[in-house]
Each structure stands twice: as structure tokens, then as C-alpha cells.
Amino acid sequence: MNDELAADRTPGWNTVTLVWSHLGNTETVIGVCLVVAGLLLWRTRDWRLAAVPAIAIALQAVIFATVSSLVGRDRPSVAKLDVSPPTTSYPSGHTGASTALYVAFALVALQVHRTWLRRLTVIACLLVPLLVAFARLYRGMHHVSDVGAAMVIGLGCALLAHGWYRHRTRSTTSGTRAAGRVRGQYS
């Protein structure tokens, strides 16, 4: 697949995939995480909910660094459109980080009351990791198995982080539910 994508590159797609690839950069992931976590904290006053994305990307970073150092896979043998980071090809850090972050956002967005806003947010959040994964393949930085494994890792991290939140919320809001207000829900 890497050879086919490299053979079909165009200046327009090179630019588009550069932007998509940057959505998975460490700086972008951390910056977006901090902004959204701050907004969640301000809007819900629920620090646990605001911590979900940060927990997801922190878990993903630990797993990524461990697996990457153990596997040590070379990058695809095609012309690369990006400078290679000092890590190995397997798994894709960009894809794993964006998957962990944006799936965590999608899980948090499931609590939005307005149906149209909830659906739009979830779809947009689930689309971002797919764009990042495609960009990393197109730009010659990863094999298909690199981005596939990274998506599984990122998904697992988002689910674990959100599961922690749901578990903690259930144990602390049983009295609140009887009163008719569930912590963490917002419009």
C-alpha cells in the first residue's frame, strides 16, 4: 500500500495530508487536550470528566514508548514527506495519540443533551484519527499495521480512561441520581 500511495502523490494531497498529520503531533494533541479539558472543567465543574482525555493520552504515550522501543521496526521504504521522529515505525505515535484523544472526546460528548450537537461532535471526533492514519500512510511514515495497532492502542486507552470516569462517577453520584441531576451531563 505504501508504494501505491507514494506513486499517486500530488501537491494538493501533500498539503492536505500535512495538515491532517499535524493533528496527531505531540504539541497539537497536548494543546487541544489542555484547551478542551479546561473548557470541560469550566462547563461541568467535574475535574474527573476533564481529566479523561489527559489520562487517555498519558496511557497511550506510555504504551507507545514501550512498544516502540521493544519492536524497533523500520519505516516504509518509500520517499517520506516528513522528517522521521527518533522513534520507530511501530506503532504510529501520531495515530495512537489522536485516537486516544479524539475517542476520549467522543465518549465525553455522548453526554451532550442536544442530539444534533452530540452526533456532530462524535462523528467529527471519530473522523480525526482516520484522517491522521491516512496522512501518516500517505506521507510514507508508517505501514498499515503500524496505524492499525496504534488505533487499537488509542481506542483501548480512551475506553480505559472513560471507564475510570464512569466507575468513579457511579460510586459518587448514587444520591445525586435520586435527586434528578446526573453529574457530568451538559447541553
Protein backbone atom coordinates (compact mmCIF):
# COMPACT_ATOMS: atom_id res chain seq x y z
CA MET A 1 0.00 0.00 0.00
CA ASN A 2 2.84 2.42 0.77
CA ASP A 3 4.19 2.14 -2.77
CA GLU A 4 0.77 2.82 -4.31
CA LEU A 5 0.16 5.87 -2.12
CA ALA A 6 3.64 7.24 -2.84
CA ALA A 7 3.15 6.76 -6.58
CA ASP A 8 -0.14 8.71 -6.54
CA ARG A 9 1.03 11.75 -4.58
CA THR A 10 0.00 15.20 -5.77
CA PRO A 11 0.91 18.66 -4.45
CA GLY A 12 -2.68 19.23 -3.29
CA TRP A 13 -2.86 15.97 -1.33
CA ASN A 14 0.64 16.59 0.02
CA THR A 15 -0.66 19.82 1.59
CA VAL A 16 -3.92 18.31 2.86
CA THR A 17 -2.16 15.33 4.45
CA LEU A 18 0.41 17.64 6.05
CA VAL A 19 -2.43 19.37 7.91
CA TRP A 20 -4.05 16.04 8.83
CA SER A 21 -0.71 14.65 10.03
CA HIS A 22 -0.18 17.70 12.25
CA LEU A 23 -3.43 16.86 14.08
CA GLY A 24 -1.51 13.94 15.60
CA ASN A 25 1.65 15.88 16.54
CA THR A 26 2.57 15.78 20.21
CA GLU A 27 2.26 19.55 20.56
CA THR A 28 -1.15 19.62 18.88
CA VAL A 29 -2.51 16.69 20.90
CA ILE A 30 -1.35 18.18 24.21
CA GLY A 31 -2.56 21.68 23.30
CA VAL A 32 -6.01 20.51 22.19
CA CYS A 33 -6.25 18.28 25.26
CA LEU A 34 -5.48 21.17 27.61
CA VAL A 35 -7.95 23.54 25.92
CA VAL A 36 -10.80 21.02 25.85
CA ALA A 37 -10.08 19.83 29.39
CA GLY A 38 -10.19 23.45 30.54
CA LEU A 39 -13.49 24.00 28.76
CA LEU A 40 -14.92 20.80 30.23
CA LEU A 41 -13.83 21.81 33.73
CA TRP A 42 -15.31 25.29 33.30
CA ARG A 43 -18.58 23.98 31.84
CA THR A 44 -19.18 20.97 34.11
CA ARG A 45 -17.10 21.69 37.23
CA ASP A 46 -16.25 17.97 37.10
CA TRP A 47 -12.48 17.55 37.30
CA ARG A 48 -12.74 13.81 36.69
CA LEU A 49 -14.54 14.35 33.39
CA ALA A 50 -11.97 16.97 32.39
CA ALA A 51 -9.16 14.51 33.19
CA VAL A 52 -10.43 11.75 30.87
CA PRO A 53 -8.64 12.99 27.70
CA ALA A 54 -5.39 13.61 29.58
CA ILE A 55 -5.49 10.15 31.14
CA ALA A 56 -6.15 8.60 27.73
CA ILE A 57 -3.18 10.29 26.04
CA ALA A 58 -0.88 9.66 29.01
CA LEU A 59 -1.67 5.93 28.91
CA GLN A 60 -1.19 5.91 25.16
CA ALA A 61 2.20 7.64 25.46
CA VAL A 62 3.48 5.06 27.95
CA ILE A 63 2.30 2.14 25.82
CA PHE A 64 3.61 3.72 22.62
CA ALA A 65 7.08 4.37 24.08
CA THR A 66 7.29 0.85 25.49
CA VAL A 67 6.12 -0.96 22.37
CA SER A 68 8.17 1.21 20.02
CA SER A 69 11.37 0.55 21.96
CA LEU A 70 10.69 -3.19 22.08
CA VAL A 71 9.73 -3.66 18.42
CA GLY A 72 12.15 -1.31 16.66
CA ARG A 73 10.53 -1.57 13.21
CA ASP A 74 11.96 0.40 10.27
CA ARG A 75 9.79 2.89 8.43
CA PRO A 76 8.48 2.02 4.94
CA SER A 77 10.99 2.10 2.11
CA VAL A 78 9.33 4.92 0.18
CA ALA A 79 10.12 8.62 -0.10
CA LYS A 80 8.98 10.30 3.10
CA LEU A 81 7.28 13.68 3.14
CA ASP A 82 8.09 14.30 6.82
CA VAL A 83 11.22 14.25 8.91
CA SER A 84 11.25 10.98 10.83
CA PRO A 85 10.92 11.35 14.59
CA PRO A 86 13.51 9.49 16.67
CA THR A 87 11.02 6.67 17.31
CA THR A 88 10.48 3.56 15.23
CA SER A 89 7.63 2.92 12.82
CA TYR A 90 5.60 0.53 15.00
CA PRO A 91 3.17 1.69 16.31
CA SER A 92 2.30 5.11 14.89
CA GLY A 93 2.55 7.66 17.67
CA HIS A 94 0.56 10.26 15.74
CA THR A 95 -2.28 7.83 15.10
CA GLY A 96 -2.28 6.41 18.63
CA ALA A 97 -2.28 9.82 20.29
CA SER A 98 -5.01 11.23 18.06
CA THR A 99 -7.12 8.09 18.52
CA ALA A 100 -6.78 8.20 22.31
CA LEU A 101 -7.59 11.92 22.43
CA TYR A 102 -10.45 12.13 19.97
CA VAL A 103 -12.14 8.88 21.01
CA ALA A 104 -11.99 10.16 24.60
CA PHE A 105 -13.64 13.37 23.36
CA ALA A 106 -16.29 11.31 21.54
CA LEU A 107 -17.03 9.32 24.69
CA VAL A 108 -17.34 12.51 26.72
CA ALA A 109 -19.56 14.01 24.01
CA LEU A 110 -22.06 11.17 24.45
CA GLN A 111 -23.32 13.13 27.46
CA VAL A 112 -24.31 16.18 25.39
CA HIS A 113 -28.10 16.65 25.61
CA ARG A 114 -28.68 18.25 22.21
CA THR A 115 -28.93 15.36 19.78
CA TRP A 116 -27.62 17.21 16.72
CA LEU A 117 -24.63 18.57 18.63
CA ARG A 118 -23.85 15.19 20.21
CA ARG A 119 -23.95 13.42 16.84
CA LEU A 120 -21.92 16.07 15.05
CA THR A 121 -19.27 16.10 17.78
CA VAL A 122 -18.97 12.32 17.95
CA ILE A 123 -18.68 11.98 14.16
CA ALA A 124 -16.07 14.75 13.95
CA CYS A 125 -14.07 13.23 16.81
CA LEU A 126 -14.11 9.76 15.27
CA LEU A 127 -13.09 11.14 11.87
CA VAL A 128 -9.89 12.84 13.08
CA PRO A 129 -7.89 9.66 13.88
CA LEU A 130 -8.85 8.21 10.48
CA LEU A 131 -7.53 11.33 8.76
CA VAL A 132 -4.31 11.19 10.77
CA ALA A 133 -3.85 7.49 9.99
CA PHE A 134 -4.36 8.06 6.27
CA ALA A 135 -1.97 11.02 6.31
CA ARG A 136 0.77 9.00 8.04
CA LEU A 137 0.40 6.25 5.41
CA TYR A 138 0.26 8.70 2.51
CA ARG A 139 3.31 10.59 3.72
CA GLY A 140 5.34 7.36 3.87
CA MET A 141 5.85 7.36 7.61
CA HIS A 142 4.11 4.09 8.55
CA HIS A 143 2.97 0.68 7.40
CA VAL A 144 -0.75 -0.23 7.59
CA SER A 145 -0.09 -2.46 10.60
CA ASP A 146 1.59 0.49 12.39
CA VAL A 147 -1.51 2.67 12.17
CA GLY A 148 -3.85 -0.27 12.83
CA ALA A 149 -2.05 -1.22 16.03
CA ALA A 150 -1.92 2.43 17.09
CA MET A 151 -5.68 2.78 16.62
CA VAL A 152 -6.29 -0.29 18.79
CA ILE A 153 -3.96 1.07 21.48
CA GLY A 154 -5.53 4.54 21.36
CA LEU A 155 -9.05 3.11 21.47
CA GLY A 156 -8.14 0.94 24.46
CA CYS A 157 -6.64 3.91 26.30
CA ALA A 158 -9.70 6.08 25.67
CA LEU A 159 -12.02 3.30 26.86
CA LEU A 160 -9.92 2.74 29.99
CA ALA A 161 -9.86 6.45 30.83
CA HIS A 162 -13.59 6.82 30.27
CA GLY A 163 -14.25 3.62 32.21
CA TRP A 164 -12.34 5.08 35.15
CA TYR A 165 -14.53 8.17 34.99
CA ARG A 166 -17.77 6.19 34.73
CA HIS A 167 -16.76 3.94 37.64
CA ARG A 168 -15.81 6.88 39.84
CA THR A 169 -18.96 8.79 38.88
CA ARG A 170 -21.26 5.84 39.62
CA SER A 171 -19.78 5.41 43.08
CA THR A 172 -20.10 9.12 43.95
CA THR A 173 -23.45 10.07 42.38
CA SER A 174 -25.91 7.46 43.60
CA GLY A 175 -27.53 10.07 45.85
CA THR A 176 -27.45 12.71 43.13
CA ARG A 177 -29.30 10.46 40.66
CA ALA A 178 -32.23 10.22 43.07
CA ALA A 179 -32.41 13.99 43.11
CA GLY A 180 -32.70 14.01 39.29
CA ARG A 181 -29.36 15.60 38.37
CA VAL A 182 -26.52 13.47 36.99
CA ARG A 183 -23.04 14.94 37.33
CA GLY A 184 -21.16 15.39 34.10
CA GLN A 185 -24.20 15.91 31.84
CA TYR A 186 -24.37 19.15 29.95
CA SER A 187 -26.04 20.63 26.92
